[in-house]
Amino acid sequence: MTTRHDTAASPVEGGAAPGRPPGDRASAEADSKRRAKLSRRWQRDMRWSPYAFVSPFFLLFLAFGLFPLIYTGWASLHTVELTAPTDMSWTGLDNYTRIFDDEFFWNAARNTLWIGVISTVPQLLMAMGLAHILNYKLRASTFYRVVMLAPYATSIAAASLVFVLLFGRDYGMINWFLDLVGLDKIDWQNGSWASKFAVSSIVIWRWTGYNALIYLAAMQAIPQDLYESAALDGASRWRQFIHVTLPSLRPTILFTVVVSTIGASQVFGEPLLFDANKGASGGSQHQFQTLGLYLYEQGWVNQHLGRASAIAWAMFLILIVIGIINAVISRRLRASS
């Protein structure tokens, strides 16, 4: 049987291997271009997607944080009324000098200071004690933690109204108990110091459990080796708390003190709802009017928007001073440790 050589494929010129068909070469070039395009898209995604993820926060901050701050700073330098916020008359620092010469401003500042001290110190001491108790193994510890956090989740309005009933002059449970033990009833809403204690009790009730959980989390991060070494040295639980727990909690204690101080300087809802007249005067004689209530009274009751803006910036400067003090104390604590 003979082979027909005339039907075999002719060899490629130059002796090279058979070349790639034109269709395969075009698909390879398209594939390489597609991969390069995907690579560039991936690089852009890796570069810009983090900014896209955090952009909602900055957009909200610009709209509801930075812009109001700048606008109130500009308004504090003008005479402007709430009824006509676009009609501004330049006054410079006149609003600041006027509020600093106002006795009601200093009265509100003193009330804010005393309410802050009365509410912050017992609150943090009680929170430390509760956290120390919960740091030991107890049955249903999760239940106790939820119970401590419940006041923080409660509405300010609901809590304040309940405390108004408790501190009622004629039918309040507190005065009923005082009368039961033979003590005179106290006019909590009209008394100078009594009203401050009553408002502070609302703040203490709402924030003690929150701070206790912060202390508890910090206590559980302390290495158990320190307690075991102290126990081997014969230290009692009280000495372990003094010499092991408290030194380890110094940064956390400083944090809670600063946060509680800032919160106390902005107390508003509790004294507003505790007032029998439900006004911003803070009592009949302004005996528990805070800086927040004074700002609200000037801006939304008296409609002096420029003066209210000056009060807001004065409170902002107070917070800056608190932050500077916090930074100095933190630096010294780190240096000492």
Foldseek 3Di string as FASTA:
>chain_A
DDDDPVPDDDADPPNDDDDDDPVVVVVVVVVVVVVVVVVVVVVVCVVCVVVVVCVVVVVCCVVPPVVVLVVLVVLLQWFAFLVGRVDTHGRGNPLVVVLVPDPLNVLQAVLLVVLLVLQQPVLLVLLLVVLVVLLDDDPPSVVVLVVLQVLQVDDLLVLLVVLLQCLPQPRHVVQVVCVVVPHHTDNQQADQVSVSNSLSVSSSSNCSSVLSVLLNVQQVPFDCVLVVVCVVVVDDPVRCCVPPSVLSCVVVVLVSSLVSSLVSLQDDSNQQSSHPVSALCSGPPSSNRHLNSVLCCVCPVVRRSNSSSSSVVVSVVVNVVSVVVSVVVVVVSVVVD
